[in-house]
C-alpha atoms as a PDB file:
ATOM      1  CA  MET A   1     -33.193 106.519   5.608  1.00  0.00           C
ATOM      2  CA  PRO A   2     -30.452 104.662   7.507  1.00  0.00           C
ATOM      3  CA  THR A   3     -26.945 104.685   6.097  1.00  0.00           C
ATOM      4  CA  VAL A   4     -24.754 101.669   5.760  1.00  0.00           C
ATOM      5  CA  GLY A   5     -23.331 100.773   9.154  1.00  0.00           C
ATOM      6  CA  SER A   6     -26.101 102.520  11.128  1.00  0.00           C
ATOM      7  CA  ILE A   7     -28.640 100.748  13.232  1.00  0.00           C
ATOM      8  CA  PRO A   8     -32.094 102.312  13.089  1.00  0.00           C
ATOM      9  CA  ASP A   9     -34.178 102.706  16.258  1.00  0.00           C
ATOM     10  CA  ARG A  10     -31.257 101.848  18.517  1.00  0.00           C
ATOM     11  CA  PRO A  11     -30.468 104.294  21.277  1.00  0.00           C
ATOM     12  CA  ALA A  12     -26.996 105.785  21.219  1.00  0.00           C
ATOM     13  CA  HIS A  13     -24.732 104.887  24.101  1.00  0.00           C
ATOM     14  CA  ARG A  14     -21.501 106.695  24.683  1.00  0.00           C
ATOM     15  CA  ASP A  15     -19.524 103.551  25.500  1.00  0.00           C
ATOM     16  CA  VAL A  16     -20.749 101.539  22.479  1.00  0.00           C
ATOM     17  CA  ARG A  17     -19.350 102.214  19.044  1.00  0.00           C
ATOM     18  CA  ARG A  18     -22.112 102.489  16.422  1.00  0.00           C
ATOM     19  CA  ASP A  19     -20.086 100.934  13.647  1.00  0.00           C
ATOM     20  CA  PRO A  20     -18.381  97.685  14.657  1.00  0.00           C
ATOM     21  CA  LEU A  21     -15.062  96.693  13.176  1.00  0.00           C
ATOM     22  CA  ILE A  22     -15.989  94.225  10.385  1.00  0.00           C
ATOM     23  CA  ARG A  23     -13.286  91.904   9.093  1.00  0.00           C
ATOM     24  CA  ARG A  24     -13.393  89.517   6.190  1.00  0.00           C
ATOM     25  CA  CYS A  25     -10.991  86.625   6.182  1.00  0.00           C
ATOM     26  CA  PRO A  26      -8.725  87.139   3.156  1.00  0.00           C
ATOM     27  CA  ALA A  27      -9.914  85.601  -0.089  1.00  0.00           C
ATOM     28  CA  GLY A  28      -7.786  82.871  -1.488  1.00  0.00           C
ATOM     29  CA  THR A  29      -6.229  81.931   1.835  1.00  0.00           C
ATOM     30  CA  ASP A  30      -5.940  78.452   3.067  1.00  0.00           C
ATOM     31  CA  THR A  31      -9.319  77.767   4.785  1.00  0.00           C
ATOM     32  CA  GLU A  32      -7.546  75.675   7.368  1.00  0.00           C
ATOM     33  CA  SER A  33      -6.276  78.955   8.904  1.00  0.00           C
ATOM     34  CA  ASN A  34      -9.749  80.517   9.462  1.00  0.00           C
ATOM     35  CA  MET A  35     -11.383  80.371  12.835  1.00  0.00           C
ATOM     36  CA  TYR A  36     -13.552  77.250  13.141  1.00  0.00           C
ATOM     37  CA  VAL A  37     -16.823  77.047  15.139  1.00  0.00           C
ATOM     38  CA  VAL A  38     -18.500  73.817  16.175  1.00  0.00           C
ATOM     39  CA  ILE A  39     -22.075  73.741  17.486  1.00  0.00           C
ATOM     40  CA  ASN A  40     -23.553  70.628  19.163  1.00  0.00           C
ATOM     41  CA  ARG A  41     -27.364  70.742  19.267  1.00  0.00           C
ATOM     42  CA  VAL A  42     -28.336  68.729  22.331  1.00  0.00           C
ATOM     43  CA  PRO A  43     -32.067  67.984  22.900  1.00  0.00           C
ATOM     44  CA  VAL A  44     -32.288  67.602  26.657  1.00  0.00           C
ATOM     45  CA  ALA A  45     -35.401  66.157  28.318  1.00  0.00           C
ATOM     46  CA  LYS A  46     -37.194  68.715  30.528  1.00  0.00           C
ATOM     47  CA  ASP A  47     -36.514  66.860  33.800  1.00  0.00           C
ATOM     48  CA  TRP A  48     -32.800  66.695  32.970  1.00  0.00           C
ATOM     49  CA  HIS A  49     -32.057  70.403  32.320  1.00  0.00           C
ATOM     50  CA  ASP A  50     -30.499  70.977  35.743  1.00  0.00           C
ATOM     51  CA  ALA A  51     -28.333  67.846  35.546  1.00  0.00           C
ATOM     52  CA  PHE A  52     -27.124  68.803  32.058  1.00  0.00           C
ATOM     53  CA  GLU A  53     -26.131  72.298  33.128  1.00  0.00           C
ATOM     54  CA  GLN A  54     -24.512  71.004  36.315  1.00  0.00           C
ATOM     55  CA  ARG A  55     -22.260  68.708  34.325  1.00  0.00           C
ATOM     56  CA  PHE A  56     -20.807  71.702  32.522  1.00  0.00           C
ATOM     57  CA  LEU A  57     -20.383  73.650  35.757  1.00  0.00           C
ATOM     58  CA  GLU A  58     -18.472  70.700  37.262  1.00  0.00           C
ATOM     59  CA  ARG A  59     -16.591  69.598  34.136  1.00  0.00           C
ATOM     60  CA  ALA A  60     -12.907  68.812  34.274  1.00  0.00           C
ATOM     61  CA  GLY A  61     -11.960  71.818  32.095  1.00  0.00           C
ATOM     62  CA  GLN A  62      -9.687  69.994  29.654  1.00  0.00           C
ATOM     63  CA  VAL A  63     -10.912  71.935  26.598  1.00  0.00           C
ATOM     64  CA  GLU A  64      -9.510  75.248  27.904  1.00  0.00           C
ATOM     65  CA  LEU A  65      -6.077  73.783  27.978  1.00  0.00           C
ATOM     66  CA  GLN A  66      -6.077  72.747  24.313  1.00  0.00           C
ATOM     67  CA  PRO A  67      -3.853  74.594  21.791  1.00  0.00           C
ATOM     68  CA  GLY A  68      -6.052  76.661  19.524  1.00  0.00           C
ATOM     69  CA  PHE A  69      -9.073  76.750  21.794  1.00  0.00           C
ATOM     70  CA  VAL A  70     -10.807  80.167  21.727  1.00  0.00           C
ATOM     71  CA  ARG A  71     -13.954  79.878  23.761  1.00  0.00           C
ATOM     72  CA  MET A  72     -16.931  77.747  24.735  1.00  0.00           C
ATOM     73  CA  GLU A  73     -20.545  78.814  25.221  1.00  0.00           C
ATOM     74  CA  ILE A  74     -23.424  76.711  26.590  1.00  0.00           C
ATOM     75  CA  MET A  75     -26.752  78.196  25.554  1.00  0.00           C
ATOM     76  CA  ARG A  76     -29.995  77.329  27.324  1.00  0.00           C
ATOM     77  CA  PRO A  77     -33.082  77.322  25.076  1.00  0.00           C
ATOM     78  CA  GLU A  78     -35.991  79.656  25.804  1.00  0.00           C
ATOM     79  CA  THR A  79     -38.520  77.205  24.416  1.00  0.00           C
ATOM     80  CA  GLU A  80     -39.101  73.565  25.312  1.00  0.00           C
ATOM     81  CA  ASP A  81     -38.848  72.265  21.753  1.00  0.00           C
ATOM     82  CA  THR A  82     -35.442  73.856  21.174  1.00  0.00           C
ATOM     83  CA  PRO A  83     -32.184  72.012  21.997  1.00  0.00           C
ATOM     84  CA  TYR A  84     -29.369  73.297  24.126  1.00  0.00           C
ATOM     85  CA  LEU A  85     -26.438  74.613  22.078  1.00  0.00           C
ATOM     86  CA  VAL A  86     -22.836  73.837  23.040  1.00  0.00           C
ATOM     87  CA  GLN A  87     -20.679  76.075  20.916  1.00  0.00           C
ATOM     88  CA  THR A  88     -16.863  76.015  20.765  1.00  0.00           C
ATOM     89  CA  ALA A  89     -14.599  78.227  18.749  1.00  0.00           C
ATOM     90  CA  TRP A  90     -11.152  77.235  17.575  1.00  0.00           C
ATOM     91  CA  LYS A  91      -8.196  79.000  16.006  1.00  0.00           C
ATOM     92  CA  ASP A  92      -8.669  76.697  13.019  1.00  0.00           C
ATOM     93  CA  ARG A  93     -10.016  73.333  11.945  1.00  0.00           C
ATOM     94  CA  ALA A  94      -6.743  71.587  12.762  1.00  0.00           C
ATOM     95  CA  ALA A  95      -6.988  72.692  16.404  1.00  0.00           C
ATOM     96  CA  PHE A  96     -10.502  71.234  16.692  1.00  0.00           C
ATOM     97  CA  GLU A  97      -9.435  67.976  15.044  1.00  0.00           C
ATOM     98  CA  ALA A  98      -6.487  67.653  17.412  1.00  0.00           C
ATOM     99  CA  TRP A  99      -8.893  68.064  20.365  1.00  0.00           C
ATOM    100  CA  LEU A 100     -11.044  65.229  19.035  1.00  0.00           C
ATOM    101  CA  LYS A 101      -7.981  62.911  18.965  1.00  0.00           C
ATOM    102  CA  SER A 102      -6.649  63.923  22.374  1.00  0.00           C
ATOM    103  CA  ASP A 103      -6.785  61.925  25.589  1.00  0.00           C
ATOM    104  CA  ASP A 104      -8.338  65.021  27.199  1.00  0.00           C
ATOM    105  CA  PHE A 105     -11.336  64.712  24.831  1.00  0.00           C
ATOM    106  CA  LYS A 106     -11.870  61.139  26.068  1.00  0.00           C
ATOM    107  CA  VAL A 107     -11.682  62.241  29.712  1.00  0.00           C
ATOM    108  CA  ALA A 108     -14.100  65.139  29.072  1.00  0.00           C
ATOM    109  CA  HIS A 109     -16.664  62.844  27.530  1.00  0.00           C
ATOM    110  CA  GLN A 110     -16.511  59.844  29.844  1.00  0.00           C
ATOM    111  CA  ASN A 111     -19.566  58.995  31.959  1.00  0.00           C
ATOM    112  CA  PRO A 112     -22.290  60.676  29.864  1.00  0.00           C
ATOM    113  CA  LEU A 113     -25.789  61.247  31.092  1.00  0.00           C
ATOM    114  CA  PRO A 114     -28.168  58.301  30.575  1.00  0.00           C
ATOM    115  CA  LYS A 115     -30.147  58.009  27.306  1.00  0.00           C
ATOM    116  CA  GLU A 116     -33.385  59.093  29.042  1.00  0.00           C
ATOM    117  CA  ALA A 117     -31.780  62.501  29.676  1.00  0.00           C
ATOM    118  CA  PHE A 118     -32.169  63.293  25.986  1.00  0.00           C
ATOM    119  CA  SER A 119     -35.388  63.933  24.105  1.00  0.00           C
ATOM    120  CA  GLY A 120     -33.956  63.148  20.655  1.00  0.00           C
ATOM    121  CA  GLU A 121     -30.786  62.804  18.636  1.00  0.00           C
ATOM    122  CA  GLY A 122     -28.173  65.461  18.871  1.00  0.00           C
ATOM    123  CA  ARG A 123     -26.561  67.097  15.867  1.00  0.00           C
ATOM    124  CA  LEU A 124     -23.059  68.410  15.334  1.00  0.00           C
ATOM    125  CA  GLU A 125     -22.564  71.341  12.960  1.00  0.00           C
ATOM    126  CA  ALA A 126     -19.181  72.863  11.975  1.00  0.00           C
ATOM    127  CA  PHE A 127     -18.522  76.220  10.370  1.00  0.00           C
ATOM    128  CA  GLU A 128     -15.540  78.145   8.954  1.00  0.00           C
ATOM    129  CA  VAL A 129     -15.675  81.805  10.003  1.00  0.00           C
ATOM    130  CA  ILE A 130     -15.415  84.002   6.890  1.00  0.00           C
ATOM    131  CA  ILE A 131     -16.545  87.348   8.294  1.00  0.00           C
ATOM    132  CA  TYR A 132     -16.662  88.658  11.846  1.00  0.00           C
ATOM    133  CA  ALA A 133     -17.445  91.886  13.620  1.00  0.00           C
ATOM    134  CA  GLU A 134     -16.268  93.099  16.973  1.00  0.00           C
ATOM    135  CA  PRO A 135     -15.853  96.439  18.745  1.00  0.00           C
ATOM    136  CA  GLU A 136     -12.465  98.036  18.577  1.00  0.00           C
END
């Protein structure tokens, strides 16, 4: 029977720690200080996948310069009926909100792809990180 923290049926690797460092954001703290993750679900029409990805490759790069920006990930779906995910992580909610109000945000979002590039409505989701795990 596996013990807490073990991963059954996973081959051991000498460079990978078997029990990740798990951290819980302190209870009772101001939630504004927790890391904040925003996911934009973007349903891109099949014929527009290359153009969508190219826009991110050629983007101006303003987001990386923003105070409190942690990272951005663009995820390509493996199935046709699944949207692309554009995920950004921020030091806290205030950092994300400052990005939305910035002139750099306006520059980053000017000249969008035409409506026919999208196969449906996008959806923005936001999350407060309460627990995270990472290798030491």
